[in-house]
Amino acid sequence: MTLEKISRRMLGAAIAAAVLALAGCGEEKAPAQSEAAAGKTLIPIGIVQLVEHDALDAAVRGIVDGLAARGYKDGETIAIDRQNAQADQSNLHNIGTRFASAKDKLIFAVATPAAQAMATTARDIPIVGTAITDFVSAKLVKSDEAPGGNVTGVSDMGPIEKQFELLTALVPNLKTVGTIYNSSEVNSAVQVTRLKDAAAKAGVEVVEATVSSVNDIQQAAASLKDKVDALYLPTDNVIASAVPVLAKVVNDAKIPTVAGEIGMVENGCLASVSVDYYELGKMTGEMGADILDGKSVPAQMPVRRQLDGELVVNMKTAQAIGITIPEAILSKAKKFE
């Protein structure tokens, strides 16, 4: 190629570039790089969820939204590492080790076993737990008022006395109530103890069936169905993850079932006076934001709880078991059709 031809090509390319530049003068400029893309260091945050079910999923959404409302948005100011242990203890240990190695500034633990595992593996990192019924019984804090260590959070202890009152309103001649729970989940045992106290005052007998995994639930339900007038289910992670299976057994047997939380009612139980796990999650996220802001530390942050519960009824289940819900309950309840 001759020098003259090369010069002509270079001139043509320069003219074309100038035309394109002029043509783009009136166009919208490309958006500026995000702070993360520009190299800003994001605060590393860990969230570990014991297992997937409606209540814990809602709590995680609440945590993320609670943080965002305080300016801690994932991908902008914080980098959230979300992990689900699939109800496996070895997974929990590995996740805790991962968070500790990554030097996360804060860990959110969703459900009691998750918080216990994080407390063991990440002793130097602030931990905020949620969906935990009794922090003291789970040996996570010294007291609700003064936790004293690196763990605090939000309790999901429901209004069990009100739940039992609902059960007696739905089954006026209640003599025997059954309950199913995971024998290795300490917070489930706490709830059952409170149920027994409420039942004893009313002269109602409590019959227990315990399980160790979801594989035991159908048999446990079958063992109770001919012995009880009604069933109470605590906010137990094993039970909550298999409610559709359990509800089919007890609903076919026409047994009214009051559950510990709203997700279990959506999935087939009859009714509940329920805490709101999304709102619990938001409270948890706000506590985490206080720690990130430097306003407090877990040792000095009292465990929080939701004081009121929401009355919920599954109308489809009521029809399936042939029960008429009193108007005094229906008029106040959120209804699932």
C-alpha atoms as a PDB file:
ATOM      1  CA  MET A   1       0.000   0.000   0.000  1.00  0.00           C
ATOM      2  CA  THR A   2       1.422   3.437  -0.956  1.00  0.00           C
ATOM      3  CA  LEU A   3       1.990   6.291   1.474  1.00  0.00           C
ATOM      4  CA  GLU A   4      -0.619   8.341  -0.431  1.00  0.00           C
ATOM      5  CA  LYS A   5      -3.281   5.630   0.065  1.00  0.00           C
ATOM      6  CA  ILE A   6      -2.439   5.338   3.753  1.00  0.00           C
ATOM      7  CA  SER A   7      -2.768   9.093   4.204  1.00  0.00           C
ATOM      8  CA  ARG A   8      -6.143   9.084   2.480  1.00  0.00           C
ATOM      9  CA  ARG A   9      -7.421   6.292   4.752  1.00  0.00           C
ATOM     10  CA  MET A  10      -6.233   8.088   7.871  1.00  0.00           C
ATOM     11  CA  LEU A  11      -7.946  11.289   6.732  1.00  0.00           C
ATOM     12  CA  GLY A  12     -11.179   9.398   6.032  1.00  0.00           C
ATOM     13  CA  ALA A  13     -11.117   7.797   9.466  1.00  0.00           C
ATOM     14  CA  ALA A  14     -10.571  11.151  11.148  1.00  0.00           C
ATOM     15  CA  ILE A  15     -13.518  12.698   9.273  1.00  0.00           C
ATOM     16  CA  ALA A  16     -15.772   9.741  10.213  1.00  0.00           C
ATOM     17  CA  ALA A  17     -14.814  10.062  13.878  1.00  0.00           C
ATOM     18  CA  ALA A  18     -15.569  13.768  13.830  1.00  0.00           C
ATOM     19  CA  VAL A  19     -18.998  13.163  12.289  1.00  0.00           C
ATOM     20  CA  LEU A  20     -19.849  10.557  14.938  1.00  0.00           C
ATOM     21  CA  ALA A  21     -18.744  12.875  17.728  1.00  0.00           C
ATOM     22  CA  LEU A  22     -20.924  15.693  16.401  1.00  0.00           C
ATOM     23  CA  ALA A  23     -23.878  13.343  15.988  1.00  0.00           C
ATOM     24  CA  GLY A  24     -23.606  12.320  19.644  1.00  0.00           C
ATOM     25  CA  CYS A  25     -23.559  15.830  21.060  1.00  0.00           C
ATOM     26  CA  GLY A  26     -27.304  15.873  21.653  1.00  0.00           C
ATOM     27  CA  GLU A  27     -27.531  12.324  23.064  1.00  0.00           C
ATOM     28  CA  GLU A  28     -27.852  11.436  26.733  1.00  0.00           C
ATOM     29  CA  LYS A  29     -24.516  10.664  28.331  1.00  0.00           C
ATOM     30  CA  ALA A  30     -23.802   7.172  29.629  1.00  0.00           C
ATOM     31  CA  PRO A  31     -24.570   6.837  33.350  1.00  0.00           C
ATOM     32  CA  ALA A  32     -21.698   7.362  35.743  1.00  0.00           C
ATOM     33  CA  GLN A  33     -20.125   4.320  37.313  1.00  0.00           C
ATOM     34  CA  SER A  34     -21.704   3.138  40.573  1.00  0.00           C
ATOM     35  CA  GLU A  35     -19.718   3.652  43.747  1.00  0.00           C
ATOM     36  CA  ALA A  36     -19.095  -0.094  43.892  1.00  0.00           C
ATOM     37  CA  ALA A  37     -17.889  -0.176  40.264  1.00  0.00           C
ATOM     38  CA  ALA A  38     -15.712   2.890  40.949  1.00  0.00           C
ATOM     39  CA  GLY A  39     -13.860   0.898  43.584  1.00  0.00           C
ATOM     40  CA  LYS A  40     -15.555   1.894  46.834  1.00  0.00           C
ATOM     41  CA  THR A  41     -15.078  -0.706  49.552  1.00  0.00           C
ATOM     42  CA  LEU A  42     -18.414  -2.190  50.622  1.00  0.00           C
ATOM     43  CA  ILE A  43     -19.027  -3.325  54.190  1.00  0.00           C
ATOM     44  CA  PRO A  44     -19.146  -7.173  54.241  1.00  0.00           C
ATOM     45  CA  ILE A  45     -22.288  -8.538  55.912  1.00  0.00           C
ATOM     46  CA  GLY A  46     -23.289 -12.178  56.380  1.00  0.00           C
ATOM     47  CA  ILE A  47     -26.841 -13.561  56.571  1.00  0.00           C
ATOM     48  CA  VAL A  48     -27.308 -17.233  57.427  1.00  0.00           C
ATOM     49  CA  GLN A  49     -30.742 -18.848  57.278  1.00  0.00           C
ATOM     50  CA  LEU A  50     -31.266 -22.261  58.827  1.00  0.00           C
ATOM     51  CA  VAL A  51     -33.683 -23.599  56.233  1.00  0.00           C
ATOM     52  CA  GLU A  52     -36.095 -22.370  53.608  1.00  0.00           C
ATOM     53  CA  HIS A  53     -39.707 -21.831  54.655  1.00  0.00           C
ATOM     54  CA  ASP A  54     -42.154 -18.921  54.591  1.00  0.00           C
ATOM     55  CA  ALA A  55     -41.425 -17.480  58.035  1.00  0.00           C
ATOM     56  CA  LEU A  56     -37.637 -17.457  57.713  1.00  0.00           C
ATOM     57  CA  ASP A  57     -37.807 -16.204  54.116  1.00  0.00           C
ATOM     58  CA  ALA A  58     -39.941 -13.277  55.315  1.00  0.00           C
ATOM     59  CA  ALA A  59     -37.481 -12.539  58.133  1.00  0.00           C
ATOM     60  CA  VAL A  60     -34.589 -12.335  55.666  1.00  0.00           C
ATOM     61  CA  ARG A  61     -36.528  -9.945  53.417  1.00  0.00           C
ATOM     62  CA  GLY A  62     -37.244  -7.828  56.478  1.00  0.00           C
ATOM     63  CA  ILE A  63     -33.558  -7.720  57.449  1.00  0.00           C
ATOM     64  CA  VAL A  64     -32.522  -6.519  53.998  1.00  0.00           C
ATOM     65  CA  ASP A  65     -35.291  -3.895  53.898  1.00  0.00           C
ATOM     66  CA  GLY A  66     -34.567  -2.754  57.460  1.00  0.00           C
ATOM     67  CA  LEU A  67     -30.915  -2.190  56.568  1.00  0.00           C
ATOM     68  CA  ALA A  68     -31.826  -0.401  53.327  1.00  0.00           C
ATOM     69  CA  ALA A  69     -34.174   1.960  55.154  1.00  0.00           C
ATOM     70  CA  ARG A  70     -31.173   3.077  57.214  1.00  0.00           C
ATOM     71  CA  GLY A  71     -28.960   3.621  54.167  1.00  0.00           C
ATOM     72  CA  TYR A  72     -27.249   0.236  54.115  1.00  0.00           C
ATOM     73  CA  LYS A  73     -28.194  -1.029  50.657  1.00  0.00           C
ATOM     74  CA  ASP A  74     -26.753  -4.222  49.228  1.00  0.00           C
ATOM     75  CA  GLY A  75     -24.340  -3.419  46.411  1.00  0.00           C
ATOM     76  CA  GLU A  76     -24.130   0.257  47.322  1.00  0.00           C
ATOM     77  CA  THR A  77     -22.858   0.535  50.890  1.00  0.00           C
ATOM     78  CA  ILE A  78     -22.804  -3.105  52.000  1.00  0.00           C
ATOM     79  CA  ALA A  79     -22.083  -6.458  50.367  1.00  0.00           C
ATOM     80  CA  ILE A  80     -24.401  -9.169  51.700  1.00  0.00           C
ATOM     81  CA  ASP A  81     -23.293 -12.796  51.605  1.00  0.00           C
ATOM     82  CA  ARG A  82     -26.540 -14.800  51.968  1.00  0.00           C
ATOM     83  CA  GLN A  83     -26.276 -18.441  52.926  1.00  0.00           C
ATOM     84  CA  ASN A  84     -28.894 -21.160  53.519  1.00  0.00           C
ATOM     85  CA  ALA A  85     -27.745 -24.108  55.632  1.00  0.00           C
ATOM     86  CA  GLN A  86     -30.551 -26.415  54.434  1.00  0.00           C
ATOM     87  CA  ALA A  87     -31.053 -27.515  58.067  1.00  0.00           C
ATOM     88  CA  ASP A  88     -27.612 -29.140  58.138  1.00  0.00           C
ATOM     89  CA  GLN A  89     -25.404 -28.595  61.185  1.00  0.00           C
ATOM     90  CA  SER A  90     -22.145 -29.109  59.282  1.00  0.00           C
ATOM     91  CA  ASN A  91     -23.280 -26.511  56.759  1.00  0.00           C
ATOM     92  CA  LEU A  92     -23.881 -24.062  59.601  1.00  0.00           C
ATOM     93  CA  HIS A  93     -20.361 -24.630  60.925  1.00  0.00           C
ATOM     94  CA  ASN A  94     -18.842 -24.115  57.478  1.00  0.00           C
ATOM     95  CA  ILE A  95     -20.866 -20.940  56.922  1.00  0.00           C
ATOM     96  CA  GLY A  96     -19.764 -19.535  60.277  1.00  0.00           C
ATOM     97  CA  THR A  97     -16.133 -20.293  59.428  1.00  0.00           C
ATOM     98  CA  ARG A  98     -16.607 -18.622  56.050  1.00  0.00           C
ATOM     99  CA  PHE A  99     -18.022 -15.452  57.613  1.00  0.00           C
ATOM    100  CA  ALA A 100     -15.228 -15.342  60.195  1.00  0.00           C
ATOM    101  CA  SER A 101     -12.528 -15.810  57.549  1.00  0.00           C
ATOM    102  CA  ALA A 102     -14.059 -13.057  55.418  1.00  0.00           C
ATOM    103  CA  LYS A 103     -13.918 -10.753  58.473  1.00  0.00           C
ATOM    104  CA  ASP A 104     -17.570  -9.783  58.075  1.00  0.00           C
ATOM    105  CA  LYS A 105     -18.462  -6.687  60.074  1.00  0.00           C
ATOM    106  CA  LEU A 106     -21.848  -8.090  61.086  1.00  0.00           C
ATOM    107  CA  ILE A 107     -23.705 -11.410  60.932  1.00  0.00           C
ATOM    108  CA  PHE A 108     -27.452 -11.925  60.903  1.00  0.00           C
ATOM    109  CA  ALA A 109     -28.508 -15.401  62.052  1.00  0.00           C
ATOM    110  CA  VAL A 110     -32.040 -16.533  61.228  1.00  0.00           C
ATOM    111  CA  ALA A 111     -33.344 -19.261  63.603  1.00  0.00           C
ATOM    112  CA  THR A 112     -31.886 -20.635  66.815  1.00  0.00           C
ATOM    113  CA  PRO A 113     -29.487 -23.308  65.469  1.00  0.00           C
ATOM    114  CA  ALA A 114     -28.076 -20.742  63.034  1.00  0.00           C
ATOM    115  CA  ALA A 115     -27.408 -18.262  65.838  1.00  0.00           C
ATOM    116  CA  GLN A 116     -25.868 -20.954  68.047  1.00  0.00           C
ATOM    117  CA  ALA A 117     -23.511 -22.036  65.272  1.00  0.00           C
ATOM    118  CA  MET A 118     -22.476 -18.447  64.513  1.00  0.00           C
ATOM    119  CA  ALA A 119     -21.859 -17.747  68.206  1.00  0.00           C
ATOM    120  CA  THR A 120     -19.472 -20.714  68.281  1.00  0.00           C
ATOM    121  CA  THR A 121     -17.574 -20.037  65.058  1.00  0.00           C
ATOM    122  CA  ALA A 122     -17.575 -16.224  64.902  1.00  0.00           C
ATOM    123  CA  ARG A 123     -16.926 -15.119  68.459  1.00  0.00           C
ATOM    124  CA  ASP A 124     -15.396 -11.751  67.547  1.00  0.00           C
ATOM    125  CA  ILE A 125     -18.125 -10.578  65.141  1.00  0.00           C
ATOM    126  CA  PRO A 126     -21.370  -8.882  66.228  1.00  0.00           C
ATOM    127  CA  ILE A 127     -24.304 -11.257  65.676  1.00  0.00           C
ATOM    128  CA  VAL A 128     -27.942 -10.226  65.489  1.00  0.00           C
ATOM    129  CA  GLY A 129     -30.368 -13.136  65.594  1.00  0.00           C
ATOM    130  CA  THR A 130     -34.020 -13.377  64.663  1.00  0.00           C
ATOM    131  CA  ALA A 131     -36.729 -16.067  64.582  1.00  0.00           C
ATOM    132  CA  ILE A 132     -35.383 -17.181  67.971  1.00  0.00           C
ATOM    133  CA  THR A 133     -37.956 -17.829  70.668  1.00  0.00           C
ATOM    134  CA  ASP A 134     -35.872 -17.700  73.839  1.00  0.00           C
ATOM    135  CA  PHE A 135     -32.321 -16.312  73.653  1.00  0.00           C
ATOM    136  CA  VAL A 136     -31.602 -17.219  77.278  1.00  0.00           C
ATOM    137  CA  SER A 137     -32.689 -20.867  77.027  1.00  0.00           C
ATOM    138  CA  ALA A 138     -30.657 -21.168  73.827  1.00  0.00           C
ATOM    139  CA  LYS A 139     -27.613 -19.903  75.789  1.00  0.00           C
ATOM    140  CA  LEU A 140     -27.116 -17.033  73.368  1.00  0.00           C
ATOM    141  CA  VAL A 141     -27.341 -14.224  75.941  1.00  0.00           C
ATOM    142  CA  LYS A 142     -26.976 -13.844  79.689  1.00  0.00           C
ATOM    143  CA  SER A 143     -30.314 -12.057  79.898  1.00  0.00           C
ATOM    144  CA  ASP A 144     -32.731 -10.373  77.508  1.00  0.00           C
ATOM    145  CA  GLU A 145     -32.107  -7.024  79.184  1.00  0.00           C
ATOM    146  CA  ALA A 146     -28.291  -7.242  79.148  1.00  0.00           C
ATOM    147  CA  PRO A 147     -27.044  -9.837  76.625  1.00  0.00           C
ATOM    148  CA  GLY A 148     -23.418  -9.415  77.735  1.00  0.00           C
ATOM    149  CA  GLY A 149     -21.695 -10.974  74.705  1.00  0.00           C
ATOM    150  CA  ASN A 150     -21.529 -10.584  70.941  1.00  0.00           C
ATOM    151  CA  VAL A 151     -25.122 -11.774  70.333  1.00  0.00           C
ATOM    152  CA  THR A 152     -28.456  -9.961  70.538  1.00  0.00           C
ATOM    153  CA  GLY A 153     -31.563  -9.837  68.377  1.00  0.00           C
ATOM    154  CA  VAL A 154     -35.325 -10.178  68.097  1.00  0.00           C
ATOM    155  CA  SER A 155     -37.443 -12.919  69.673  1.00  0.00           C
ATOM    156  CA  ASP A 156     -40.289 -14.551  67.766  1.00  0.00           C
ATOM    157  CA  MET A 157     -42.020 -15.732  70.944  1.00  0.00           C
ATOM    158  CA  GLY A 158     -45.676 -15.659  69.992  1.00  0.00           C
ATOM    159  CA  PRO A 159     -48.629 -14.859  72.249  1.00  0.00           C
ATOM    160  CA  ILE A 160     -49.099 -18.512  73.213  1.00  0.00           C
ATOM    161  CA  GLU A 161     -51.747 -17.781  75.832  1.00  0.00           C
ATOM    162  CA  LYS A 162     -53.805 -15.935  73.198  1.00  0.00           C
ATOM    163  CA  GLN A 163     -53.227 -18.786  70.750  1.00  0.00           C
ATOM    164  CA  PHE A 164     -54.578 -21.242  73.320  1.00  0.00           C
ATOM    165  CA  GLU A 165     -57.583 -18.971  73.935  1.00  0.00           C
ATOM    166  CA  LEU A 166     -58.226 -19.034  70.190  1.00  0.00           C
ATOM    167  CA  LEU A 167     -58.101 -22.817  70.247  1.00  0.00           C
ATOM    168  CA  THR A 168     -60.683 -23.011  73.030  1.00  0.00           C
ATOM    169  CA  ALA A 169     -62.911 -20.537  71.164  1.00  0.00           C
ATOM    170  CA  LEU A 170     -62.756 -22.694  68.032  1.00  0.00           C
ATOM    171  CA  VAL A 171     -63.292 -25.940  70.002  1.00  0.00           C
ATOM    172  CA  PRO A 172     -65.533 -25.003  72.975  1.00  0.00           C
ATOM    173  CA  ASN A 173     -65.561 -28.495  74.522  1.00  0.00           C
ATOM    174  CA  LEU A 174     -61.824 -28.976  74.230  1.00  0.00           C
ATOM    175  CA  LYS A 175     -60.551 -31.755  76.499  1.00  0.00           C
ATOM    176  CA  THR A 176     -57.310 -32.882  74.848  1.00  0.00           C
ATOM    177  CA  VAL A 177     -54.895 -30.946  72.642  1.00  0.00           C
ATOM    178  CA  GLY A 178     -52.019 -32.536  70.772  1.00  0.00           C
ATOM    179  CA  THR A 179     -48.726 -30.917  69.832  1.00  0.00           C
ATOM    180  CA  ILE A 180     -45.867 -31.934  67.552  1.00  0.00           C
ATOM    181  CA  TYR A 181     -42.371 -30.459  67.738  1.00  0.00           C
ATOM    182  CA  ASN A 182     -38.699 -31.147  67.138  1.00  0.00           C
ATOM    183  CA  SER A 183     -37.258 -32.670  70.304  1.00  0.00           C
ATOM    184  CA  SER A 184     -33.804 -31.183  69.662  1.00  0.00           C
ATOM    185  CA  GLU A 185     -34.978 -27.598  69.179  1.00  0.00           C
ATOM    186  CA  VAL A 186     -34.825 -25.999  72.620  1.00  0.00           C
ATOM    187  CA  ASN A 187     -37.124 -23.099  71.756  1.00  0.00           C
ATOM    188  CA  SER A 188     -39.874 -25.463  70.653  1.00  0.00           C
ATOM    189  CA  ALA A 189     -39.755 -27.102  74.078  1.00  0.00           C
ATOM    190  CA  VAL A 190     -40.084 -23.666  75.695  1.00  0.00           C
ATOM    191  CA  GLN A 191     -43.247 -22.994  73.688  1.00  0.00           C
ATOM    192  CA  VAL A 192     -44.731 -26.372  74.576  1.00  0.00           C
ATOM    193  CA  THR A 193     -44.064 -25.704  78.269  1.00  0.00           C
ATOM    194  CA  ARG A 194     -46.015 -22.455  78.009  1.00  0.00           C
ATOM    195  CA  LEU A 195     -48.799 -24.300  76.180  1.00  0.00           C
ATOM    196  CA  LYS A 196     -48.969 -26.845  79.016  1.00  0.00           C
ATOM    197  CA  ASP A 197     -49.217 -24.055  81.577  1.00  0.00           C
ATOM    198  CA  ALA A 198     -52.118 -22.440  79.719  1.00  0.00           C
ATOM    199  CA  ALA A 199     -53.834 -25.803  79.197  1.00  0.00           C
ATOM    200  CA  ALA A 200     -53.470 -26.806  82.852  1.00  0.00           C
ATOM    201  CA  LYS A 201     -55.306 -23.661  83.947  1.00  0.00           C
ATOM    202  CA  ALA A 202     -58.180 -24.648  81.658  1.00  0.00           C
ATOM    203  CA  GLY A 203     -58.187 -28.315  82.702  1.00  0.00           C
ATOM    204  CA  VAL A 204     -57.072 -29.449  79.232  1.00  0.00           C
ATOM    205  CA  GLU A 205     -54.696 -32.368  78.737  1.00  0.00           C
ATOM    206  CA  VAL A 206     -51.698 -31.978  76.381  1.00  0.00           C
ATOM    207  CA  VAL A 207     -50.488 -34.982  74.390  1.00  0.00           C
ATOM    208  CA  GLU A 208     -47.029 -34.639  72.822  1.00  0.00           C
ATOM    209  CA  ALA A 209     -45.420 -36.209  69.774  1.00  0.00           C
ATOM    210  CA  THR A 210     -41.799 -35.379  68.982  1.00  0.00           C
ATOM    211  CA  VAL A 211     -39.905 -35.609  65.707  1.00  0.00           C
ATOM    212  CA  SER A 212     -36.263 -35.297  64.701  1.00  0.00           C
ATOM    213  CA  SER A 213     -36.767 -34.630  60.979  1.00  0.00           C
ATOM    214  CA  VAL A 214     -39.485 -33.981  58.426  1.00  0.00           C
ATOM    215  CA  ASN A 215     -39.546 -37.718  57.700  1.00  0.00           C
ATOM    216  CA  ASP A 216     -41.136 -38.331  61.120  1.00  0.00           C
ATOM    217  CA  ILE A 217     -43.958 -35.810  60.799  1.00  0.00           C
ATOM    218  CA  GLN A 218     -46.580 -37.853  58.989  1.00  0.00           C
ATOM    219  CA  GLN A 219     -46.238 -40.721  61.465  1.00  0.00           C
ATOM    220  CA  ALA A 220     -46.367 -38.329  64.444  1.00  0.00           C
ATOM    221  CA  ALA A 221     -49.558 -36.731  63.130  1.00  0.00           C
ATOM    222  CA  ALA A 222     -51.114 -40.137  62.510  1.00  0.00           C
ATOM    223  CA  SER A 223     -50.288 -41.190  66.080  1.00  0.00           C
ATOM    224  CA  LEU A 224     -52.251 -38.236  67.508  1.00  0.00           C
ATOM    225  CA  LYS A 225     -55.258 -37.945  65.249  1.00  0.00           C
ATOM    226  CA  ASP A 226     -57.446 -40.420  67.179  1.00  0.00           C
ATOM    227  CA  LYS A 227     -56.363 -39.138  70.612  1.00  0.00           C
ATOM    228  CA  VAL A 228     -56.941 -35.376  70.512  1.00  0.00           C
ATOM    229  CA  ASP A 229     -59.724 -32.856  69.931  1.00  0.00           C
ATOM    230  CA  ALA A 230     -57.386 -30.271  68.408  1.00  0.00           C
ATOM    231  CA  LEU A 231     -53.743 -29.656  67.591  1.00  0.00           C
ATOM    232  CA  TYR A 232     -51.276 -26.884  68.436  1.00  0.00           C
ATOM    233  CA  LEU A 233     -48.080 -26.391  66.410  1.00  0.00           C
ATOM    234  CA  PRO A 234     -45.276 -24.192  67.781  1.00  0.00           C
ATOM    235  CA  THR A 235     -42.983 -22.076  65.599  1.00  0.00           C
ATOM    236  CA  ASP A 236     -40.696 -25.028  65.008  1.00  0.00           C
ATOM    237  CA  ASN A 237     -38.448 -25.017  61.924  1.00  0.00           C
ATOM    238  CA  VAL A 238     -38.825 -28.725  61.168  1.00  0.00           C
ATOM    239  CA  ILE A 239     -42.615 -28.503  61.469  1.00  0.00           C
ATOM    240  CA  ALA A 240     -42.873 -25.241  59.509  1.00  0.00           C
ATOM    241  CA  SER A 241     -40.906 -26.670  56.587  1.00  0.00           C
ATOM    242  CA  ALA A 242     -43.386 -29.558  56.215  1.00  0.00           C
ATOM    243  CA  VAL A 243     -46.740 -27.961  57.064  1.00  0.00           C
ATOM    244  CA  PRO A 244     -48.483 -28.939  53.788  1.00  0.00           C
ATOM    245  CA  VAL A 245     -47.803 -32.627  54.516  1.00  0.00           C
ATOM    246  CA  LEU A 246     -48.861 -32.304  58.144  1.00  0.00           C
ATOM    247  CA  ALA A 247     -51.951 -30.237  57.350  1.00  0.00           C
ATOM    248  CA  LYS A 248     -53.206 -32.849  54.904  1.00  0.00           C
ATOM    249  CA  VAL A 249     -53.132 -35.556  57.605  1.00  0.00           C
ATOM    250  CA  VAL A 250     -54.873 -33.514  60.317  1.00  0.00           C
ATOM    251  CA  ASN A 251     -57.333 -31.808  57.969  1.00  0.00           C
ATOM    252  CA  ASP A 252     -58.406 -35.169  56.525  1.00  0.00           C
ATOM    253  CA  ALA A 253     -58.983 -36.263  60.132  1.00  0.00           C
ATOM    254  CA  LYS A 254     -61.092 -33.085  60.738  1.00  0.00           C
ATOM    255  CA  ILE A 255     -58.779 -31.867  63.507  1.00  0.00           C
ATOM    256  CA  PRO A 256     -58.720 -28.081  64.047  1.00  0.00           C
ATOM    257  CA  THR A 257     -55.114 -26.870  64.178  1.00  0.00           C
ATOM    258  CA  VAL A 258     -53.874 -23.600  65.649  1.00  0.00           C
ATOM    259  CA  ALA A 259     -50.319 -22.781  64.595  1.00  0.00           C
ATOM    260  CA  GLY A 260     -47.635 -20.496  65.902  1.00  0.00           C
ATOM    261  CA  GLU A 261     -47.349 -18.217  62.883  1.00  0.00           C
ATOM    262  CA  ILE A 262     -49.077 -16.922  59.782  1.00  0.00           C
ATOM    263  CA  GLY A 263     -47.102 -18.882  57.175  1.00  0.00           C
ATOM    264  CA  MET A 264     -48.308 -22.149  58.654  1.00  0.00           C
ATOM    265  CA  VAL A 265     -51.915 -20.945  58.343  1.00  0.00           C
ATOM    266  CA  GLU A 266     -51.367 -19.947  54.717  1.00  0.00           C
ATOM    267  CA  ASN A 267     -50.087 -23.475  54.096  1.00  0.00           C
ATOM    268  CA  GLY A 268     -53.103 -25.268  55.540  1.00  0.00           C
ATOM    269  CA  CYS A 269     -53.443 -24.885  59.318  1.00  0.00           C
ATOM    270  CA  LEU A 270     -56.732 -23.438  60.551  1.00  0.00           C
ATOM    271  CA  ALA A 271     -55.795 -20.300  62.495  1.00  0.00           C
ATOM    272  CA  SER A 272     -53.255 -18.373  64.538  1.00  0.00           C
ATOM    273  CA  VAL A 273     -52.575 -15.265  66.534  1.00  0.00           C
ATOM    274  CA  SER A 274     -49.296 -14.654  64.749  1.00  0.00           C
ATOM    275  CA  VAL A 275     -46.239 -12.483  64.964  1.00  0.00           C
ATOM    276  CA  ASP A 276     -45.167 -10.983  61.628  1.00  0.00           C
ATOM    277  CA  TYR A 277     -41.812 -12.409  60.580  1.00  0.00           C
ATOM    278  CA  TYR A 278     -41.207  -9.690  58.006  1.00  0.00           C
ATOM    279  CA  GLU A 279     -41.625  -7.047  60.709  1.00  0.00           C
ATOM    280  CA  LEU A 280     -39.383  -9.054  63.044  1.00  0.00           C
ATOM    281  CA  GLY A 281     -36.790  -9.065  60.275  1.00  0.00           C
ATOM    282  CA  LYS A 282     -37.064  -5.291  59.846  1.00  0.00           C
ATOM    283  CA  MET A 283     -36.530  -4.820  63.587  1.00  0.00           C
ATOM    284  CA  THR A 284     -33.480  -7.075  63.295  1.00  0.00           C
ATOM    285  CA  GLY A 285     -32.113  -5.058  60.369  1.00  0.00           C
ATOM    286  CA  GLU A 286     -32.567  -1.832  62.344  1.00  0.00           C
ATOM    287  CA  MET A 287     -30.604  -3.286  65.266  1.00  0.00           C
ATOM    288  CA  GLY A 288     -27.839  -4.230  62.838  1.00  0.00           C
ATOM    289  CA  ALA A 289     -27.834  -0.698  61.439  1.00  0.00           C
ATOM    290  CA  ASP A 290     -27.362   0.668  64.962  1.00  0.00           C
ATOM    291  CA  ILE A 291     -24.283  -1.525  65.320  1.00  0.00           C
ATOM    292  CA  LEU A 292     -22.909  -0.426  61.924  1.00  0.00           C
ATOM    293  CA  ASP A 293     -23.565   3.208  62.879  1.00  0.00           C
ATOM    294  CA  GLY A 294     -21.507   2.702  66.030  1.00  0.00           C
ATOM    295  CA  LYS A 295     -24.477   3.572  68.262  1.00  0.00           C
ATOM    296  CA  SER A 296     -24.311   0.381  70.292  1.00  0.00           C
ATOM    297  CA  VAL A 297     -22.866  -3.112  70.629  1.00  0.00           C
ATOM    298  CA  PRO A 298     -24.712  -6.430  71.095  1.00  0.00           C
ATOM    299  CA  ALA A 299     -23.678  -6.759  74.746  1.00  0.00           C
ATOM    300  CA  GLN A 300     -25.640  -3.616  75.584  1.00  0.00           C
ATOM    301  CA  MET A 301     -28.630  -4.083  73.246  1.00  0.00           C
ATOM    302  CA  PRO A 302     -31.670  -5.695  74.917  1.00  0.00           C
ATOM    303  CA  VAL A 303     -33.425  -8.480  73.028  1.00  0.00           C
ATOM    304  CA  ARG A 304     -36.514  -7.066  71.336  1.00  0.00           C
ATOM    305  CA  ARG A 305     -39.895  -8.663  70.581  1.00  0.00           C
ATOM    306  CA  GLN A 306     -43.154  -7.892  68.818  1.00  0.00           C
ATOM    307  CA  LEU A 307     -45.821  -7.229  71.416  1.00  0.00           C
ATOM    308  CA  ASP A 308     -48.995  -7.779  69.393  1.00  0.00           C
ATOM    309  CA  GLY A 309     -50.083 -10.675  67.223  1.00  0.00           C
ATOM    310  CA  GLU A 310     -52.335 -10.763  64.162  1.00  0.00           C
ATOM    311  CA  LEU A 311     -55.431 -12.983  64.102  1.00  0.00           C
ATOM    312  CA  VAL A 312     -55.484 -15.079  60.898  1.00  0.00           C
ATOM    313  CA  VAL A 313     -57.874 -17.783  59.645  1.00  0.00           C
ATOM    314  CA  ASN A 314     -57.704 -20.145  56.666  1.00  0.00           C
ATOM    315  CA  MET A 315     -61.283 -20.272  55.352  1.00  0.00           C
ATOM    316  CA  LYS A 316     -60.567 -23.101  52.927  1.00  0.00           C
ATOM    317  CA  THR A 317     -59.328 -25.252  55.794  1.00  0.00           C
ATOM    318  CA  ALA A 318     -62.358 -24.352  57.914  1.00  0.00           C
ATOM    319  CA  GLN A 319     -64.596 -25.580  55.113  1.00  0.00           C
ATOM    320  CA  ALA A 320     -62.533 -28.735  54.602  1.00  0.00           C
ATOM    321  CA  ILE A 321     -62.765 -29.803  58.255  1.00  0.00           C
ATOM    322  CA  GLY A 322     -66.386 -28.711  58.607  1.00  0.00           C
ATOM    323  CA  ILE A 323     -65.943 -26.105  61.315  1.00  0.00           C
ATOM    324  CA  THR A 324     -67.886 -22.862  61.654  1.00  0.00           C
ATOM    325  CA  ILE A 325     -65.698 -19.965  62.713  1.00  0.00           C
ATOM    326  CA  PRO A 326     -67.476 -17.742  65.277  1.00  0.00           C
ATOM    327  CA  GLU A 327     -68.323 -14.288  63.936  1.00  0.00           C
ATOM    328  CA  ALA A 328     -66.466 -12.709  66.852  1.00  0.00           C
ATOM    329  CA  ILE A 329     -63.275 -14.215  65.412  1.00  0.00           C
ATOM    330  CA  LEU A 330     -64.045 -13.644  61.734  1.00  0.00           C
ATOM    331  CA  SER A 331     -64.805  -9.970  62.247  1.00  0.00           C
ATOM    332  CA  LYS A 332     -61.269  -9.370  63.529  1.00  0.00           C
ATOM    333  CA  ALA A 333     -59.319 -11.855  61.436  1.00  0.00           C
ATOM    334  CA  LYS A 334     -57.260 -11.678  58.289  1.00  0.00           C
ATOM    335  CA  LYS A 335     -58.760 -14.372  56.077  1.00  0.00           C
ATOM    336  CA  PHE A 336     -57.045 -16.683  53.605  1.00  0.00           C
ATOM    337  CA  GLU A 337     -59.547 -17.913  51.058  1.00  0.00           C
END
